N, C-alpha and C. Protein backbone atom coordinates (compact mmCIF):
# COMPACT_ATOMS: atom_id res chain seq x y z
N UNK A 1 0.64 -1.17 0.10
CA UNK A 1 0.13 -0.07 0.07
C UNK A 1 0.86 1.42 0.00
N UNK A 2 0.72 2.08 -0.70
CA UNK A 2 1.19 3.43 -0.95
C UNK A 2 0.48 4.45 -0.26
N UNK A 3 1.15 5.45 0.42
CA UNK A 3 0.44 6.44 0.89
C UNK A 3 0.60 7.76 0.09
N UNK A 4 -0.18 8.49 -0.14
CA UNK A 4 0.28 9.80 -0.82
C UNK A 4 -0.16 10.75 -0.07
N UNK A 5 0.55 11.96 0.29
CA UNK A 5 -0.22 13.33 0.86
C UNK A 5 -0.30 14.30 -0.20
N UNK A 6 -1.28 14.90 0.00
CA UNK A 6 -1.54 15.98 -1.11
C UNK A 6 -1.54 17.46 -0.71
N UNK A 7 -0.51 18.39 -1.25
CA UNK A 7 -0.46 19.62 -0.60
C UNK A 7 -1.65 20.75 -0.88
N UNK A 8 -2.15 21.11 -0.29
CA UNK A 8 -3.16 22.06 -0.26
C UNK A 8 -2.59 23.47 -0.03
N UNK A 9 -3.50 24.63 -0.63
CA UNK A 9 -3.71 26.09 -0.59
C UNK A 9 -4.63 26.03 0.45
N UNK A 10 -4.45 26.58 1.77
CA UNK A 10 -5.40 27.08 2.69
C UNK A 10 -5.75 28.49 2.47
N UNK A 11 -6.99 28.74 2.03
CA UNK A 11 -7.29 30.11 1.49
C UNK A 11 -7.48 31.03 3.03
N UNK A 12 -7.02 32.30 2.40
CA UNK A 12 -7.20 33.28 3.46
C UNK A 12 -8.64 33.51 3.79
N UNK A 13 -8.89 33.80 5.04
CA UNK A 13 -10.06 33.98 5.81
C UNK A 13 -9.72 35.20 6.85
N UNK A 14 -10.80 36.09 6.37
CA UNK A 14 -10.41 37.48 7.60
C UNK A 14 -10.42 37.05 9.02
N UNK A 15 -9.56 37.68 9.38
CA UNK A 15 -9.27 37.29 11.19
C UNK A 15 -8.28 36.15 11.42
N UNK A 16 -7.87 35.37 10.37
CA UNK A 16 -7.18 34.27 10.65
C UNK A 16 -5.48 34.77 10.01
N UNK A 17 -4.55 34.63 11.06
CA UNK A 17 -3.31 34.73 10.70
C UNK A 17 -2.85 34.40 9.35
N UNK A 18 -2.10 35.04 8.68
CA UNK A 18 -1.35 34.50 7.36
C UNK A 18 -0.75 33.42 7.66
N UNK A 19 -0.48 32.23 7.05
CA UNK A 19 0.06 31.31 7.12
C UNK A 19 -0.38 30.07 7.97
N UNK A 20 -1.43 30.34 8.28
CA UNK A 20 -2.33 29.22 9.44
C UNK A 20 -2.74 28.12 8.57
N UNK A 21 -2.12 26.86 8.86
CA UNK A 21 -2.40 25.67 8.50
C UNK A 21 -2.93 24.61 9.19
N UNK A 22 -2.68 24.56 10.57
CA UNK A 22 -3.01 23.60 11.43
C UNK A 22 -3.65 23.90 12.95
N UNK A 23 -4.26 23.54 13.69
CA UNK A 23 -4.86 23.75 14.75
C UNK A 23 -3.42 24.05 15.80
N UNK A 24 -2.41 23.30 15.54
CA UNK A 24 -1.47 23.32 16.55
C UNK A 24 -0.39 24.49 16.23
N UNK A 25 -0.81 25.34 15.02
CA UNK A 25 -0.12 26.81 15.02
C UNK A 25 -1.08 28.02 14.99
N UNK A 26 -2.18 27.81 15.54
CA UNK A 26 -2.97 28.91 15.72
C UNK A 26 -3.46 29.22 17.18
N UNK A 27 -3.82 29.95 17.93
CA UNK A 27 -4.45 30.07 19.10
C UNK A 27 -6.06 29.34 19.25
N UNK A 28 -6.46 28.98 20.17
CA UNK A 28 -7.77 28.30 20.24
C UNK A 28 -8.88 29.17 20.02
N UNK A 29 -8.37 30.13 19.94
CA UNK A 29 -9.50 31.33 19.69
C UNK A 29 -9.85 31.54 18.24
N UNK A 30 -8.81 31.08 17.48
CA UNK A 30 -8.92 30.96 15.93
C UNK A 30 -9.20 29.65 15.29
N UNK A 31 -9.27 28.68 16.12
CA UNK A 31 -9.58 27.33 15.53
C UNK A 31 -10.80 27.41 14.42
N UNK A 32 -11.89 28.30 14.81
CA UNK A 32 -13.40 28.22 14.16
C UNK A 32 -13.00 29.10 12.71
N UNK A 33 -11.78 29.92 12.74
CA UNK A 33 -11.83 30.52 11.55
C UNK A 33 -10.54 29.50 10.75
N UNK A 34 -9.77 28.75 11.45
CA UNK A 34 -8.88 27.89 10.60
C UNK A 34 -10.16 26.70 9.72
N UNK A 35 -11.13 26.52 10.64
CA UNK A 35 -12.25 25.17 10.25
C UNK A 35 -13.07 25.87 9.07
N UNK A 36 -13.11 27.11 9.06
CA UNK A 36 -13.72 27.57 7.89
C UNK A 36 -12.73 27.74 6.59
N UNK A 37 -11.57 28.07 6.71
CA UNK A 37 -10.75 27.86 5.97
C UNK A 37 -10.53 26.69 5.51
N UNK A 38 -10.43 25.49 6.25
CA UNK A 38 -10.31 24.16 5.80
C UNK A 38 -11.54 23.68 4.80
N UNK A 39 -12.82 24.37 5.32
CA UNK A 39 -14.12 23.85 4.55
C UNK A 39 -13.86 24.53 3.06
N UNK A 40 -12.94 25.64 2.90
CA UNK A 40 -13.11 26.29 1.59
C UNK A 40 -12.06 25.21 0.78
N UNK A 41 -11.24 24.66 1.25
CA UNK A 41 -10.16 23.58 0.49
C UNK A 41 -11.15 22.31 -0.07
N UNK A 42 -12.40 22.17 0.04
CA UNK A 42 -13.28 21.15 -0.41
C UNK A 42 -12.94 21.08 -1.97
N UNK A 43 -12.97 21.94 -3.16
CA UNK A 43 -12.69 21.59 -3.92
C UNK A 43 -11.67 21.05 -4.63
N UNK A 44 -10.69 21.91 -3.82
CA UNK A 44 -9.08 21.23 -4.06
C UNK A 44 -9.12 19.67 -3.89
N UNK A 45 -9.55 19.68 -2.68
CA UNK A 45 -9.42 17.79 -1.82
C UNK A 45 -10.44 17.07 -2.97
N UNK A 46 -11.80 17.70 -3.32
CA UNK A 46 -12.45 16.75 -4.29
C UNK A 46 -11.56 16.53 -5.86
N UNK A 47 -10.94 17.57 -6.38
CA UNK A 47 -10.26 17.42 -7.70
C UNK A 47 -9.14 16.43 -7.37
N UNK A 48 -8.19 16.59 -6.12
CA UNK A 48 -7.43 15.70 -6.07
C UNK A 48 -7.72 14.46 -6.01
N UNK A 49 -8.92 14.04 -5.06
CA UNK A 49 -9.15 12.78 -5.00
C UNK A 49 -9.59 12.11 -6.31
N UNK A 50 -10.33 12.98 -7.08
CA UNK A 50 -10.80 12.17 -8.41
C UNK A 50 -9.68 12.37 -9.35
N UNK A 51 -8.41 12.88 -9.35
CA UNK A 51 -7.65 12.73 -9.98
C UNK A 51 -6.59 11.48 -9.48
N UNK A 52 -6.58 11.42 -8.11
CA UNK A 52 -5.64 10.11 -7.87
C UNK A 52 -6.23 8.82 -7.31
N UNK A 53 -7.73 8.73 -7.59
CA UNK A 53 -8.46 7.54 -7.40
C UNK A 53 -7.97 6.88 -6.24
N UNK A 54 -7.74 7.10 -4.93
CA UNK A 54 -7.34 6.47 -3.95
C UNK A 54 -8.56 5.54 -3.55
N UNK A 55 -7.77 4.35 -2.78
CA UNK A 55 -8.85 2.95 -2.21
C UNK A 55 -9.41 3.49 -1.20
N UNK A 56 -8.91 4.37 -0.25
CA UNK A 56 -9.02 4.92 1.15
C UNK A 56 -8.51 6.28 1.03
N UNK A 57 -9.47 6.95 2.00
CA UNK A 57 -8.95 8.27 2.57
C UNK A 57 -9.18 8.32 3.90
N UNK A 58 -7.85 8.83 4.68
CA UNK A 58 -7.87 9.04 6.06
C UNK A 58 -8.16 10.52 6.12
N UNK A 59 -8.85 10.99 7.31
CA UNK A 59 -9.02 12.29 7.77
C UNK A 59 -9.22 12.39 9.09
N UNK A 60 -9.10 13.76 9.44
CA UNK A 60 -9.42 14.06 11.03
C UNK A 60 -10.79 15.12 11.06
N UNK A 61 -10.34 16.12 10.71
CA UNK A 61 -11.44 17.39 11.02
C UNK A 61 -12.63 17.59 10.03
N UNK A 62 -12.21 17.27 9.04
CA UNK A 62 -12.94 17.36 7.53
C UNK A 62 -14.49 16.89 7.65
N UNK A 63 -15.23 17.35 8.23
CA UNK A 63 -16.60 16.69 8.40
C UNK A 63 -17.31 16.01 7.09
N UNK A 64 -17.10 16.94 5.99
CA UNK A 64 -17.53 16.92 4.82
C UNK A 64 -16.75 15.60 3.97
N UNK A 65 -15.88 15.09 4.53
CA UNK A 65 -15.00 14.50 3.40
C UNK A 65 -15.70 13.08 2.84
N UNK A 66 -16.53 12.66 3.91
CA UNK A 66 -17.17 11.24 3.58
C UNK A 66 -18.29 11.53 2.57
N UNK A 67 -18.60 13.03 2.36
CA UNK A 67 -19.62 13.15 1.25
C UNK A 67 -18.91 12.98 0.26
N UNK A 68 -17.48 13.68 -0.17
CA UNK A 68 -16.80 13.88 -1.23
C UNK A 68 -16.50 12.28 -1.68
N UNK A 69 -16.13 11.52 -0.79
CA UNK A 69 -15.57 10.08 -1.16
C UNK A 69 -16.84 9.04 -1.23
N UNK A 70 -17.85 9.66 -0.75
CA UNK A 70 -19.31 8.15 -1.29
C UNK A 70 -19.42 8.93 -2.77
N UNK A 71 -19.28 10.13 -3.15
CA UNK A 71 -19.37 10.47 -4.72
C UNK A 71 -18.54 9.81 -5.27
N UNK A 72 -17.43 9.49 -4.98
CA UNK A 72 -16.55 8.74 -5.90
C UNK A 72 -16.30 7.52 -5.43
N UNK A 73 -17.49 6.94 -4.57
CA UNK A 73 -17.42 5.31 -4.56
C UNK A 73 -16.21 4.33 -3.49
N UNK A 74 -15.85 5.77 -2.92
CA UNK A 74 -14.63 5.28 -2.08
C UNK A 74 -15.17 5.45 -0.49
N UNK A 75 -14.20 4.77 0.47
CA UNK A 75 -14.48 4.86 1.96
C UNK A 75 -13.50 6.10 2.45
N UNK A 76 -14.05 6.81 3.24
CA UNK A 76 -13.25 7.71 4.23
C UNK A 76 -13.05 6.98 5.47
N UNK A 77 -12.19 7.24 6.48
CA UNK A 77 -11.89 6.82 7.69
C UNK A 77 -11.38 7.93 8.61
N UNK A 78 -11.63 7.88 9.82
CA UNK A 78 -11.00 8.88 10.44
C UNK A 78 -10.33 8.27 12.07
N UNK A 79 -9.38 8.38 12.21
CA UNK A 79 -8.34 7.63 13.12
C UNK A 79 -9.05 8.11 14.33
N UNK A 80 -9.16 7.08 15.41
CA UNK A 80 -9.97 7.26 17.00
C UNK A 80 -8.73 8.29 17.41
N UNK A 81 -9.31 9.32 18.37
CA UNK A 81 -8.23 10.27 18.76
C UNK A 81 -8.12 9.47 20.25
N UNK A 82 -6.64 9.39 20.38
CA UNK A 82 -6.14 8.99 21.64
C UNK A 82 -5.65 10.09 22.51
N UNK A 83 -6.46 10.85 23.35
CA UNK A 83 -6.12 11.82 23.97
C UNK A 83 -5.11 11.69 25.04
N UNK A 84 -5.31 10.56 25.63
CA UNK A 84 -4.22 10.23 26.74
C UNK A 84 -2.76 10.13 26.35
N UNK A 85 -2.67 9.86 25.05
CA UNK A 85 -1.11 9.73 24.51
C UNK A 85 -0.89 11.12 24.72
N UNK A 86 -1.37 12.11 24.12
CA UNK A 86 -0.67 13.62 24.34
C UNK A 86 -0.80 14.41 25.26
N UNK A 87 -1.60 14.29 26.48
CA UNK A 87 -1.71 14.70 27.58
C UNK A 87 -0.42 14.90 28.40
N UNK A 88 0.68 13.83 28.44
CA UNK A 88 1.82 14.25 28.96
C UNK A 88 2.82 15.08 28.15
N UNK A 89 2.34 15.67 27.08
CA UNK A 89 3.05 16.82 26.28
C UNK A 89 2.59 18.00 26.40
N UNK A 90 3.53 19.03 26.67
CA UNK A 90 3.08 20.46 26.58
C UNK A 90 2.21 20.75 25.34
N UNK A 91 2.79 20.19 24.05
CA UNK A 91 2.07 20.91 23.01
C UNK A 91 2.20 19.61 21.81
N UNK A 92 1.51 19.58 20.94
CA UNK A 92 1.72 18.41 19.86
C UNK A 92 2.98 18.44 19.25
N UNK A 93 3.74 19.37 18.99
CA UNK A 93 5.05 19.16 18.27
C UNK A 93 5.57 18.54 19.22
N UNK A 94 6.06 18.82 20.49
CA UNK A 94 6.65 17.73 21.58
C UNK A 94 6.51 16.39 21.50
N UNK A 95 5.22 16.01 21.03
CA UNK A 95 4.64 14.58 20.96
C UNK A 95 5.27 13.70 19.60
N UNK A 96 5.74 14.51 18.61
CA UNK A 96 6.04 13.89 17.39
C UNK A 96 7.36 13.05 17.70
N UNK A 97 7.12 11.81 17.11
CA UNK A 97 8.40 10.94 16.83
C UNK A 97 9.62 11.71 16.62
N UNK A 98 10.92 11.38 17.00
CA UNK A 98 12.26 12.17 16.76
C UNK A 98 12.45 11.90 15.47
N UNK A 99 12.71 12.84 14.50
CA UNK A 99 12.91 12.99 13.24
C UNK A 99 12.05 13.23 12.07
N UNK A 100 10.69 13.12 12.93
CA UNK A 100 9.49 13.36 12.11
C UNK A 100 9.47 14.57 11.16
N UNK A 101 9.58 15.72 11.97
CA UNK A 101 9.52 17.29 11.20
C UNK A 101 10.58 17.02 10.11
N UNK A 102 11.86 16.56 10.35
CA UNK A 102 12.81 16.54 9.04
C UNK A 102 12.24 15.49 7.99
N UNK A 103 11.68 14.43 8.20
CA UNK A 103 10.93 13.46 7.29
C UNK A 103 9.90 14.36 6.49
N UNK A 104 9.32 15.15 7.11
CA UNK A 104 7.97 15.54 6.37
C UNK A 104 8.40 16.97 5.50
N UNK A 105 9.46 17.48 6.16
CA UNK A 105 9.64 18.83 5.55
C UNK A 105 9.59 19.13 3.93
N UNK A 106 8.73 19.88 3.69
CA UNK A 106 8.43 20.05 2.32
C UNK A 106 7.47 18.99 1.25
N UNK A 107 6.70 18.12 2.16
CA UNK A 107 6.16 17.29 1.66
C UNK A 107 4.44 17.80 1.47
N UNK A 108 4.31 18.92 2.33
CA UNK A 108 3.18 19.18 2.38
C UNK A 108 1.91 18.78 3.16
N UNK A 109 3.10 17.95 4.19
CA UNK A 109 2.12 17.25 5.23
C UNK A 109 2.13 18.52 6.56
N UNK A 110 1.07 18.83 7.17
CA UNK A 110 1.06 20.15 7.94
C UNK A 110 1.06 19.16 9.62
């Protein structure tokens, strides 16, 4: 099985700091604006999925992804949240495996 990550351009949303791409890099007060921006990526995601024709799609916060994959006749999965794993860390970046940031740099993974 191959896993392919697709880079997305997160649209600007009024009030959202420029360059915001993940909940880990914006304050909690801005998460709703980030979710609005992510909702605006739906056409990009749908287009990429039509082109890539994946067997499965894994996602986290994109509530609309199952609708998109259903239109394509594919399944979408969301991994179970393991809150206890992250509780012992100050932030998500601290919880990443050693060398992870270097491995994903420039790959489009946020």
